[in-house]
Amino acid sequence: MSDAVAGPDGALRCPWALSTEDYVSYHDEEWGRPVHGDDALYERLCLEAFQSGLSWITILRRRPGFRAAFAGFEIASVAAFTDADKERLLGDAGIIRNRAKIEATVANARVLSGWAPGELDELIWSFAPAPDTRPAPEKLSDVPAVTDESTALSKTLKKRGIRFVGPTTAYALMQACGLVDDHLVDCVARKDTH
């Protein structure tokens, strides 16, 4: 028996998707859908890092503030941020004001600004497991927090100078960006992606 739960519309969903209204659209329209493009993946990498130690809903609700504060997560723009920009960010109530995470976001942009166009996209997606290597999860307990692929992705990014990306954060990135499909087997969003 699956852990999927019927929502107000009767469709079965992953249980976490029904905990708030904000989650329903994120779950149905974004989570687990393929994300490509260096800036788009940089944004997800940054938001997952900011989420570390917090609930994802905290980040999701502040995402517009993060996008405004970090120049739409355009790598070249964030790479040019100055110490004054970092101080501005520490005073911005629209984001999570964590000095280490702000520093990492700017430092990561500076590293990535030296990469070739498409290199971040290619590197991250090279760690996507073959879709048929793991059965669709039936229960939330079937969904791992870390995998061999996320551990390898984390190590590779760290070796290349990217900060705040441990194996758990890397796996959350893989889930959010569609490298893996962790929607439960009878979830409506899983059915929509296949």
N, C-alpha and C. Protein backbone atom coordinates (compact mmCIF):
# COMPACT_ATOMS: atom_id res chain seq x y z
N MET A 1 0.85 -1.18 0.00
CA MET A 1 0.00 0.00 0.00
C MET A 1 0.89 1.24 0.00
N SER A 2 0.60 2.17 -0.88
CA SER A 2 1.38 3.39 -1.02
C SER A 2 1.05 4.40 0.07
N ASP A 3 2.02 5.29 0.34
CA ASP A 3 1.81 6.38 1.30
C ASP A 3 1.11 7.58 0.66
N ALA A 4 0.84 7.52 -0.65
CA ALA A 4 0.21 8.66 -1.32
C ALA A 4 -1.15 8.96 -0.68
N VAL A 5 -1.47 10.26 -0.67
CA VAL A 5 -2.69 10.74 0.00
C VAL A 5 -3.53 11.51 -1.02
N ALA A 6 -4.83 11.35 -0.95
CA ALA A 6 -5.73 12.09 -1.84
C ALA A 6 -5.82 13.54 -1.38
N GLY A 7 -5.65 14.44 -2.34
CA GLY A 7 -5.78 15.86 -2.05
C GLY A 7 -7.22 16.31 -2.19
N PRO A 8 -7.47 17.62 -2.04
CA PRO A 8 -8.83 18.14 -2.15
C PRO A 8 -9.49 17.84 -3.50
N ASP A 9 -8.65 17.69 -4.55
CA ASP A 9 -9.18 17.38 -5.88
C ASP A 9 -9.34 15.87 -6.10
N GLY A 10 -8.99 15.06 -5.08
CA GLY A 10 -9.11 13.62 -5.18
C GLY A 10 -7.88 12.93 -5.75
N ALA A 11 -6.95 13.69 -6.31
CA ALA A 11 -5.74 13.11 -6.90
C ALA A 11 -4.77 12.70 -5.79
N LEU A 12 -4.13 11.57 -6.00
CA LEU A 12 -3.14 11.08 -5.04
C LEU A 12 -1.83 11.84 -5.20
N ARG A 13 -1.25 12.22 -4.04
CA ARG A 13 0.01 12.95 -4.05
C ARG A 13 0.91 12.44 -2.94
N CYS A 14 2.19 12.80 -3.05
CA CYS A 14 3.12 12.56 -1.95
C CYS A 14 2.58 13.33 -0.74
N PRO A 15 2.57 12.73 0.45
CA PRO A 15 1.94 13.35 1.62
C PRO A 15 2.47 14.75 1.95
N TRP A 16 3.78 14.98 1.77
CA TRP A 16 4.33 16.29 2.10
C TRP A 16 3.72 17.39 1.25
N ALA A 17 3.26 17.05 0.06
CA ALA A 17 2.71 18.05 -0.85
C ALA A 17 1.42 18.67 -0.33
N LEU A 18 0.75 17.99 0.59
CA LEU A 18 -0.54 18.47 1.07
C LEU A 18 -0.45 19.19 2.41
N SER A 19 0.78 19.38 2.91
CA SER A 19 0.93 20.01 4.23
C SER A 19 0.66 21.52 4.18
N THR A 20 0.86 22.16 3.04
CA THR A 20 0.51 23.59 2.86
C THR A 20 0.08 23.80 1.41
N GLU A 21 -0.69 24.85 1.19
CA GLU A 21 -1.11 25.16 -0.19
C GLU A 21 0.08 25.47 -1.08
N ASP A 22 1.11 26.12 -0.50
CA ASP A 22 2.29 26.46 -1.29
C ASP A 22 2.97 25.22 -1.86
N TYR A 23 2.94 24.15 -1.09
CA TYR A 23 3.58 22.92 -1.53
C TYR A 23 2.86 22.26 -2.70
N VAL A 24 1.54 22.38 -2.76
CA VAL A 24 0.79 21.67 -3.80
C VAL A 24 1.28 22.06 -5.19
N SER A 25 1.35 23.34 -5.48
CA SER A 25 1.78 23.75 -6.82
C SER A 25 3.26 23.45 -7.04
N TYR A 26 4.08 23.63 -6.01
CA TYR A 26 5.51 23.30 -6.15
C TYR A 26 5.67 21.81 -6.46
N HIS A 27 4.97 20.98 -5.72
CA HIS A 27 5.02 19.53 -5.93
C HIS A 27 4.52 19.14 -7.32
N ASP A 28 3.37 19.70 -7.70
CA ASP A 28 2.73 19.31 -8.96
C ASP A 28 3.46 19.84 -10.20
N GLU A 29 4.03 21.05 -10.09
CA GLU A 29 4.54 21.73 -11.28
C GLU A 29 6.06 21.84 -11.36
N GLU A 30 6.78 21.66 -10.24
CA GLU A 30 8.21 21.87 -10.27
C GLU A 30 9.04 20.69 -9.78
N TRP A 31 8.75 20.20 -8.59
CA TRP A 31 9.61 19.21 -7.96
C TRP A 31 9.70 17.95 -8.79
N GLY A 32 10.91 17.55 -9.11
CA GLY A 32 11.11 16.35 -9.91
C GLY A 32 11.07 16.56 -11.41
N ARG A 33 10.80 17.79 -11.84
CA ARG A 33 10.80 18.09 -13.28
C ARG A 33 12.22 18.49 -13.70
N PRO A 34 12.66 18.06 -14.86
CA PRO A 34 14.03 18.38 -15.28
C PRO A 34 14.30 19.88 -15.36
N VAL A 35 15.41 20.27 -14.75
CA VAL A 35 15.88 21.66 -14.77
C VAL A 35 17.23 21.66 -15.48
N HIS A 36 17.36 22.52 -16.45
CA HIS A 36 18.62 22.67 -17.17
C HIS A 36 18.98 24.15 -17.24
N GLY A 37 20.25 24.41 -17.52
CA GLY A 37 20.76 25.77 -17.61
C GLY A 37 21.61 26.09 -16.38
N ASP A 38 22.76 26.67 -16.62
CA ASP A 38 23.68 26.95 -15.52
C ASP A 38 23.07 27.85 -14.45
N ASP A 39 22.45 28.96 -14.86
CA ASP A 39 21.87 29.87 -13.87
C ASP A 39 20.73 29.21 -13.09
N ALA A 40 19.89 28.45 -13.78
CA ALA A 40 18.77 27.78 -13.11
C ALA A 40 19.28 26.75 -12.10
N LEU A 41 20.31 26.01 -12.46
CA LEU A 41 20.86 25.01 -11.55
C LEU A 41 21.63 25.68 -10.41
N TYR A 42 22.29 26.79 -10.71
CA TYR A 42 22.97 27.56 -9.65
C TYR A 42 21.93 28.04 -8.63
N GLU A 43 20.80 28.53 -9.10
CA GLU A 43 19.74 28.97 -8.18
C GLU A 43 19.31 27.81 -7.28
N ARG A 44 19.04 26.65 -7.86
CA ARG A 44 18.59 25.52 -7.06
C ARG A 44 19.66 25.08 -6.06
N LEU A 45 20.91 25.11 -6.50
CA LEU A 45 22.02 24.76 -5.63
C LEU A 45 22.09 25.72 -4.43
N CYS A 46 21.94 26.99 -4.70
CA CYS A 46 21.96 28.01 -3.64
C CYS A 46 20.78 27.84 -2.69
N LEU A 47 19.59 27.67 -3.23
CA LEU A 47 18.40 27.54 -2.38
C LEU A 47 18.47 26.28 -1.52
N GLU A 48 18.98 25.19 -2.08
CA GLU A 48 19.13 23.98 -1.27
C GLU A 48 20.14 24.20 -0.15
N ALA A 49 21.19 24.97 -0.42
CA ALA A 49 22.17 25.28 0.63
C ALA A 49 21.53 26.14 1.72
N PHE A 50 20.75 27.13 1.31
CA PHE A 50 20.07 27.98 2.29
C PHE A 50 19.08 27.17 3.11
N GLN A 51 18.49 26.13 2.50
CA GLN A 51 17.50 25.30 3.19
C GLN A 51 18.14 24.45 4.29
N SER A 52 19.42 24.16 4.17
CA SER A 52 20.09 23.30 5.13
C SER A 52 19.79 23.73 6.57
N GLY A 53 19.19 22.81 7.32
CA GLY A 53 18.83 23.07 8.70
C GLY A 53 17.48 23.73 8.88
N LEU A 54 16.80 24.01 7.78
CA LEU A 54 15.49 24.67 7.82
C LEU A 54 14.47 23.84 7.06
N SER A 55 13.22 24.23 7.15
CA SER A 55 12.16 23.60 6.37
C SER A 55 12.17 24.19 4.95
N TRP A 56 11.91 23.35 3.95
CA TRP A 56 11.88 23.84 2.56
C TRP A 56 10.81 24.91 2.38
N ILE A 57 9.72 24.83 3.12
CA ILE A 57 8.65 25.83 2.96
C ILE A 57 9.16 27.23 3.28
N THR A 58 10.10 27.33 4.22
CA THR A 58 10.70 28.62 4.57
C THR A 58 11.39 29.22 3.35
N ILE A 59 12.11 28.39 2.61
CA ILE A 59 12.82 28.85 1.42
C ILE A 59 11.84 29.14 0.29
N LEU A 60 10.90 28.24 0.09
CA LEU A 60 9.94 28.39 -1.00
C LEU A 60 9.17 29.70 -0.88
N ARG A 61 8.74 30.02 0.31
CA ARG A 61 7.98 31.26 0.52
C ARG A 61 8.85 32.50 0.35
N ARG A 62 10.14 32.37 0.52
CA ARG A 62 11.05 33.52 0.37
C ARG A 62 11.76 33.52 -0.98
N ARG A 63 11.42 32.58 -1.84
CA ARG A 63 12.11 32.50 -3.13
C ARG A 63 12.05 33.80 -3.93
N PRO A 64 10.92 34.50 -3.98
CA PRO A 64 10.92 35.77 -4.69
C PRO A 64 11.92 36.78 -4.09
N GLY A 65 12.02 36.79 -2.77
CA GLY A 65 12.98 37.66 -2.11
C GLY A 65 14.41 37.27 -2.43
N PHE A 66 14.68 35.96 -2.45
CA PHE A 66 16.02 35.49 -2.81
C PHE A 66 16.36 35.90 -4.24
N ARG A 67 15.40 35.73 -5.14
CA ARG A 67 15.66 36.08 -6.55
C ARG A 67 15.95 37.57 -6.70
N ALA A 68 15.21 38.39 -5.98
CA ALA A 68 15.45 39.83 -6.05
C ALA A 68 16.81 40.18 -5.44
N ALA A 69 17.13 39.59 -4.31
CA ALA A 69 18.37 39.90 -3.60
C ALA A 69 19.61 39.42 -4.34
N PHE A 70 19.49 38.31 -5.05
CA PHE A 70 20.65 37.71 -5.72
C PHE A 70 20.57 37.86 -7.24
N ALA A 71 20.06 38.97 -7.72
CA ALA A 71 20.09 39.31 -9.15
C ALA A 71 19.57 38.18 -10.03
N GLY A 72 18.46 37.57 -9.59
CA GLY A 72 17.86 36.49 -10.37
C GLY A 72 18.74 35.26 -10.45
N PHE A 73 19.73 35.16 -9.58
CA PHE A 73 20.70 34.06 -9.57
C PHE A 73 21.44 33.94 -10.89
N GLU A 74 21.68 35.08 -11.52
CA GLU A 74 22.52 35.10 -12.71
C GLU A 74 23.97 35.01 -12.22
N ILE A 75 24.65 33.97 -12.59
CA ILE A 75 25.99 33.69 -12.07
C ILE A 75 26.92 34.88 -12.24
N ALA A 76 26.97 35.46 -13.44
CA ALA A 76 27.89 36.57 -13.70
C ALA A 76 27.60 37.76 -12.80
N SER A 77 26.32 38.04 -12.56
CA SER A 77 25.96 39.19 -11.71
C SER A 77 26.34 38.94 -10.26
N VAL A 78 26.05 37.76 -9.73
CA VAL A 78 26.37 37.46 -8.34
C VAL A 78 27.88 37.40 -8.14
N ALA A 79 28.60 36.92 -9.14
CA ALA A 79 30.07 36.87 -9.05
C ALA A 79 30.66 38.25 -8.86
N ALA A 80 29.97 39.27 -9.32
CA ALA A 80 30.46 40.65 -9.22
C ALA A 80 30.06 41.33 -7.90
N PHE A 81 29.33 40.63 -7.04
CA PHE A 81 28.92 41.22 -5.76
C PHE A 81 30.14 41.62 -4.94
N THR A 82 30.02 42.73 -4.26
CA THR A 82 31.09 43.28 -3.43
C THR A 82 30.81 43.00 -1.95
N ASP A 83 31.74 43.42 -1.11
CA ASP A 83 31.52 43.30 0.33
C ASP A 83 30.29 44.11 0.75
N ALA A 84 30.07 45.23 0.08
CA ALA A 84 28.89 46.05 0.39
C ALA A 84 27.61 45.29 0.05
N ASP A 85 27.64 44.54 -1.04
CA ASP A 85 26.48 43.72 -1.40
C ASP A 85 26.22 42.66 -0.33
N LYS A 86 27.28 42.05 0.16
CA LYS A 86 27.12 41.02 1.20
C LYS A 86 26.51 41.63 2.46
N GLU A 87 26.94 42.83 2.82
CA GLU A 87 26.37 43.50 4.00
C GLU A 87 24.90 43.83 3.76
N ARG A 88 24.59 44.26 2.54
CA ARG A 88 23.19 44.54 2.17
C ARG A 88 22.35 43.29 2.35
N LEU A 89 22.88 42.15 1.90
CA LEU A 89 22.15 40.88 2.01
C LEU A 89 21.93 40.48 3.47
N LEU A 90 22.90 40.76 4.32
CA LEU A 90 22.75 40.43 5.75
C LEU A 90 21.63 41.24 6.40
N GLY A 91 21.25 42.35 5.79
CA GLY A 91 20.16 43.16 6.32
C GLY A 91 18.84 42.95 5.60
N ASP A 92 18.80 42.04 4.64
CA ASP A 92 17.61 41.83 3.80
C ASP A 92 16.67 40.82 4.47
N ALA A 93 15.56 41.30 4.97
CA ALA A 93 14.59 40.42 5.66
C ALA A 93 13.87 39.48 4.69
N GLY A 94 14.03 39.67 3.40
CA GLY A 94 13.37 38.82 2.42
C GLY A 94 14.09 37.50 2.17
N ILE A 95 15.27 37.34 2.77
CA ILE A 95 16.03 36.10 2.60
C ILE A 95 16.41 35.54 3.98
N ILE A 96 17.12 34.44 3.98
CA ILE A 96 17.68 33.89 5.22
C ILE A 96 19.03 34.59 5.40
N ARG A 97 19.17 35.31 6.48
CA ARG A 97 20.38 36.13 6.68
C ARG A 97 21.43 35.34 7.45
N ASN A 98 22.06 34.44 6.75
CA ASN A 98 23.10 33.60 7.31
C ASN A 98 24.40 33.95 6.60
N ARG A 99 25.36 34.50 7.34
CA ARG A 99 26.59 34.99 6.73
C ARG A 99 27.32 33.90 5.94
N ALA A 100 27.45 32.71 6.53
CA ALA A 100 28.19 31.63 5.85
C ALA A 100 27.52 31.24 4.53
N LYS A 101 26.20 31.20 4.52
CA LYS A 101 25.48 30.81 3.30
C LYS A 101 25.53 31.92 2.25
N ILE A 102 25.48 33.16 2.69
CA ILE A 102 25.61 34.30 1.76
C ILE A 102 27.01 34.29 1.15
N GLU A 103 28.02 34.12 2.00
CA GLU A 103 29.41 34.08 1.51
C GLU A 103 29.58 32.94 0.50
N ALA A 104 29.02 31.78 0.80
CA ALA A 104 29.13 30.64 -0.11
C ALA A 104 28.43 30.90 -1.44
N THR A 105 27.28 31.56 -1.39
CA THR A 105 26.54 31.85 -2.61
C THR A 105 27.36 32.74 -3.55
N VAL A 106 27.99 33.76 -2.98
CA VAL A 106 28.83 34.66 -3.79
C VAL A 106 30.10 33.94 -4.25
N ALA A 107 30.74 33.22 -3.34
CA ALA A 107 31.96 32.50 -3.69
C ALA A 107 31.70 31.46 -4.79
N ASN A 108 30.58 30.76 -4.68
CA ASN A 108 30.24 29.76 -5.70
C ASN A 108 30.02 30.42 -7.06
N ALA A 109 29.39 31.58 -7.07
CA ALA A 109 29.19 32.29 -8.34
C ALA A 109 30.53 32.67 -8.95
N ARG A 110 31.45 33.08 -8.11
CA ARG A 110 32.78 33.45 -8.62
C ARG A 110 33.49 32.24 -9.22
N VAL A 111 33.37 31.09 -8.57
CA VAL A 111 33.96 29.86 -9.13
C VAL A 111 33.29 29.53 -10.46
N LEU A 112 31.96 29.52 -10.45
CA LEU A 112 31.21 29.12 -11.64
C LEU A 112 31.38 30.09 -12.81
N SER A 113 31.66 31.35 -12.51
CA SER A 113 31.83 32.32 -13.59
C SER A 113 33.06 31.99 -14.44
N GLY A 114 33.95 31.17 -13.90
CA GLY A 114 35.13 30.75 -14.66
C GLY A 114 34.92 29.47 -15.44
N TRP A 115 33.76 28.85 -15.30
CA TRP A 115 33.46 27.62 -16.03
C TRP A 115 32.93 27.95 -17.42
N ALA A 116 33.05 27.02 -18.31
CA ALA A 116 32.51 27.19 -19.67
C ALA A 116 30.99 27.18 -19.62
N PRO A 117 30.33 27.88 -20.55
CA PRO A 117 28.87 27.82 -20.60
C PRO A 117 28.40 26.38 -20.74
N GLY A 118 27.42 26.02 -19.92
CA GLY A 118 26.87 24.67 -19.95
C GLY A 118 27.63 23.66 -19.10
N GLU A 119 28.77 24.05 -18.55
CA GLU A 119 29.60 23.10 -17.81
C GLU A 119 28.93 22.64 -16.50
N LEU A 120 28.29 23.57 -15.79
CA LEU A 120 27.61 23.18 -14.56
C LEU A 120 26.46 22.23 -14.86
N ASP A 121 25.68 22.54 -15.88
CA ASP A 121 24.56 21.69 -16.30
C ASP A 121 25.08 20.29 -16.64
N GLU A 122 26.11 20.23 -17.46
CA GLU A 122 26.65 18.95 -17.88
C GLU A 122 27.19 18.16 -16.70
N LEU A 123 27.89 18.82 -15.81
CA LEU A 123 28.47 18.12 -14.66
C LEU A 123 27.38 17.55 -13.76
N ILE A 124 26.41 18.38 -13.38
CA ILE A 124 25.35 17.91 -12.49
C ILE A 124 24.59 16.75 -13.13
N TRP A 125 24.19 16.90 -14.37
CA TRP A 125 23.39 15.86 -15.02
C TRP A 125 24.18 14.58 -15.29
N SER A 126 25.52 14.67 -15.27
CA SER A 126 26.32 13.45 -15.47
C SER A 126 26.17 12.49 -14.29
N PHE A 127 25.62 12.97 -13.17
CA PHE A 127 25.42 12.13 -11.99
C PHE A 127 23.99 11.57 -11.89
N ALA A 128 23.17 11.84 -12.87
CA ALA A 128 21.80 11.30 -12.86
C ALA A 128 21.86 9.79 -13.11
N PRO A 129 21.29 9.01 -12.20
CA PRO A 129 21.28 7.57 -12.43
C PRO A 129 20.33 7.22 -13.58
N ALA A 130 20.58 6.08 -14.20
CA ALA A 130 19.65 5.62 -15.23
C ALA A 130 18.27 5.47 -14.60
N PRO A 131 17.22 5.95 -15.27
CA PRO A 131 15.88 5.96 -14.67
C PRO A 131 15.36 4.59 -14.24
N ASP A 132 15.81 3.53 -14.87
CA ASP A 132 15.28 2.20 -14.55
C ASP A 132 16.11 1.47 -13.49
N THR A 133 17.04 2.16 -12.84
CA THR A 133 17.90 1.48 -11.86
C THR A 133 17.28 1.42 -10.47
N ARG A 134 16.21 2.15 -10.25
CA ARG A 134 15.57 2.13 -8.93
C ARG A 134 14.07 2.11 -9.11
N PRO A 135 13.37 1.22 -8.43
CA PRO A 135 11.91 1.19 -8.59
C PRO A 135 11.27 2.45 -8.00
N ALA A 136 10.11 2.79 -8.52
CA ALA A 136 9.36 3.94 -7.99
C ALA A 136 9.06 3.68 -6.51
N PRO A 137 9.28 4.67 -5.66
CA PRO A 137 9.01 4.46 -4.23
C PRO A 137 7.51 4.33 -3.96
N GLU A 138 7.18 3.38 -3.09
CA GLU A 138 5.79 3.22 -2.67
C GLU A 138 5.52 3.99 -1.38
N LYS A 139 6.53 4.04 -0.52
CA LYS A 139 6.40 4.68 0.79
C LYS A 139 7.48 5.75 0.93
N LEU A 140 7.22 6.72 1.78
CA LEU A 140 8.23 7.75 2.03
C LEU A 140 9.53 7.13 2.53
N SER A 141 9.42 6.04 3.27
CA SER A 141 10.62 5.38 3.78
C SER A 141 11.47 4.75 2.67
N ASP A 142 10.91 4.62 1.47
CA ASP A 142 11.66 4.10 0.32
C ASP A 142 12.54 5.18 -0.32
N VAL A 143 12.34 6.42 0.08
CA VAL A 143 13.07 7.54 -0.52
C VAL A 143 14.31 7.83 0.33
N PRO A 144 15.50 7.68 -0.27
CA PRO A 144 16.72 7.91 0.51
C PRO A 144 16.99 9.41 0.71
N ALA A 145 17.84 9.70 1.68
CA ALA A 145 18.28 11.09 1.90
C ALA A 145 19.62 11.33 1.20
N VAL A 146 20.34 10.26 0.97
CA VAL A 146 21.66 10.31 0.34
C VAL A 146 21.79 9.06 -0.53
N THR A 147 22.47 9.21 -1.66
CA THR A 147 22.75 8.05 -2.52
C THR A 147 24.23 8.08 -2.91
N ASP A 148 24.68 7.01 -3.51
CA ASP A 148 26.06 6.99 -4.01
C ASP A 148 26.28 8.13 -5.01
N GLU A 149 25.27 8.37 -5.84
CA GLU A 149 25.40 9.44 -6.85
C GLU A 149 25.47 10.82 -6.20
N SER A 150 24.65 11.05 -5.17
CA SER A 150 24.69 12.37 -4.53
C SER A 150 25.99 12.58 -3.77
N THR A 151 26.53 11.51 -3.21
CA THR A 151 27.82 11.60 -2.52
C THR A 151 28.92 11.92 -3.53
N ALA A 152 28.88 11.26 -4.67
CA ALA A 152 29.88 11.52 -5.71
C ALA A 152 29.73 12.94 -6.28
N LEU A 153 28.49 13.39 -6.48
CA LEU A 153 28.26 14.75 -6.97
C LEU A 153 28.79 15.77 -5.97
N SER A 154 28.50 15.57 -4.71
CA SER A 154 28.98 16.46 -3.66
C SER A 154 30.50 16.55 -3.67
N LYS A 155 31.16 15.39 -3.71
CA LYS A 155 32.63 15.37 -3.71
C LYS A 155 33.20 16.08 -4.92
N THR A 156 32.59 15.85 -6.07
CA THR A 156 33.09 16.47 -7.30
C THR A 156 32.92 17.99 -7.25
N LEU A 157 31.75 18.45 -6.81
CA LEU A 157 31.53 19.90 -6.72
C LEU A 157 32.49 20.53 -5.71
N LYS A 158 32.69 19.87 -4.58
CA LYS A 158 33.62 20.40 -3.58
C LYS A 158 35.04 20.48 -4.13
N LYS A 159 35.47 19.45 -4.85
CA LYS A 159 36.81 19.45 -5.45
C LYS A 159 36.97 20.60 -6.44
N ARG A 160 35.86 20.99 -7.05
CA ARG A 160 35.89 22.08 -8.04
C ARG A 160 35.68 23.45 -7.39
N GLY A 161 35.62 23.48 -6.05
CA GLY A 161 35.57 24.74 -5.33
C GLY A 161 34.19 25.20 -4.88
N ILE A 162 33.16 24.37 -5.07
CA ILE A 162 31.80 24.74 -4.68
C ILE A 162 31.60 24.41 -3.20
N ARG A 163 31.03 25.38 -2.47
CA ARG A 163 30.84 25.24 -1.03
C ARG A 163 29.38 24.99 -0.68
N PHE A 164 29.16 24.46 0.53
CA PHE A 164 27.83 24.22 1.09
C PHE A 164 27.03 23.23 0.26
N VAL A 165 27.67 22.16 -0.15
CA VAL A 165 26.97 21.15 -0.95
C VAL A 165 27.40 19.75 -0.49
N GLY A 166 26.85 19.34 0.67
CA GLY A 166 27.09 18.00 1.17
C GLY A 166 26.24 17.00 0.42
N PRO A 167 26.41 15.70 0.71
CA PRO A 167 25.66 14.66 0.00
C PRO A 167 24.14 14.79 0.14
N THR A 168 23.65 15.23 1.31
CA THR A 168 22.20 15.38 1.49
C THR A 168 21.68 16.54 0.66
N THR A 169 22.41 17.66 0.67
CA THR A 169 22.03 18.82 -0.15
C THR A 169 22.09 18.45 -1.62
N ALA A 170 23.12 17.70 -2.01
CA ALA A 170 23.24 17.27 -3.41
C ALA A 170 22.06 16.39 -3.81
N TYR A 171 21.62 15.51 -2.89
CA TYR A 171 20.48 14.65 -3.24
C TYR A 171 19.19 15.45 -3.34
N ALA A 172 19.00 16.41 -2.44
CA ALA A 172 17.82 17.28 -2.53
C ALA A 172 17.81 18.03 -3.86
N LEU A 173 18.98 18.46 -4.31
CA LEU A 173 19.10 19.11 -5.62
C LEU A 173 18.71 18.14 -6.73
N MET A 174 19.19 16.91 -6.64
CA MET A 174 18.87 15.91 -7.65
C MET A 174 17.37 15.64 -7.70
N GLN A 175 16.72 15.59 -6.55
CA GLN A 175 15.27 15.38 -6.51
C GLN A 175 14.53 16.57 -7.11
N ALA A 176 14.89 17.77 -6.67
CA ALA A 176 14.18 18.98 -7.09
C ALA A 176 14.34 19.23 -8.59
N CYS A 177 15.50 18.86 -9.14
CA CYS A 177 15.81 19.18 -10.53
C CYS A 177 15.58 18.03 -11.50
N GLY A 178 14.94 16.96 -11.02
CA GLY A 178 14.53 15.90 -11.91
C GLY A 178 15.59 14.89 -12.30
N LEU A 179 16.74 14.89 -11.64
CA LEU A 179 17.74 13.87 -11.93
C LEU A 179 17.27 12.52 -11.44
N VAL A 180 16.43 12.54 -10.41
CA VAL A 180 15.75 11.34 -9.92
C VAL A 180 14.27 11.68 -9.78
N ASP A 181 13.43 10.69 -9.85
CA ASP A 181 11.99 10.90 -9.68
C ASP A 181 11.56 10.20 -8.40
N ASP A 182 11.43 10.95 -7.33
CA ASP A 182 11.04 10.38 -6.05
C ASP A 182 9.58 10.63 -5.70
N HIS A 183 8.77 11.00 -6.70
CA HIS A 183 7.33 11.00 -6.47
C HIS A 183 6.91 9.55 -6.22
N LEU A 184 5.99 9.35 -5.30
CA LEU A 184 5.53 8.00 -5.01
C LEU A 184 4.89 7.38 -6.25
N VAL A 185 4.87 6.06 -6.28
CA VAL A 185 4.49 5.32 -7.48
C VAL A 185 3.12 5.72 -8.03
N ASP A 186 2.16 6.02 -7.16
CA ASP A 186 0.83 6.38 -7.65
C ASP A 186 0.51 7.86 -7.48
N CYS A 187 1.54 8.67 -7.31
CA CYS A 187 1.36 10.13 -7.21
C CYS A 187 1.01 10.71 -8.58
N VAL A 188 0.09 11.63 -8.60
CA VAL A 188 -0.34 12.25 -9.85
C VAL A 188 0.81 12.96 -10.56
N ALA A 189 1.73 13.54 -9.80
CA ALA A 189 2.86 14.24 -10.42
C ALA A 189 3.81 13.26 -11.10
N ARG A 190 3.97 12.10 -10.54
CA ARG A 190 4.82 11.08 -11.20
C ARG A 190 4.17 10.66 -12.49
N LYS A 191 2.89 10.45 -12.46
CA LYS A 191 2.18 10.04 -13.67
C LYS A 191 2.28 11.13 -14.76
N ASP A 192 2.32 12.39 -14.34
CA ASP A 192 2.41 13.49 -15.30
C ASP A 192 3.78 13.60 -15.96
N THR A 193 4.81 13.04 -15.30
CA THR A 193 6.17 13.19 -15.84
C THR A 193 6.55 12.03 -16.74
N HIS A 194 5.68 11.02 -16.85
CA HIS A 194 6.02 9.85 -17.67
C HIS A 194 5.07 9.68 -18.82
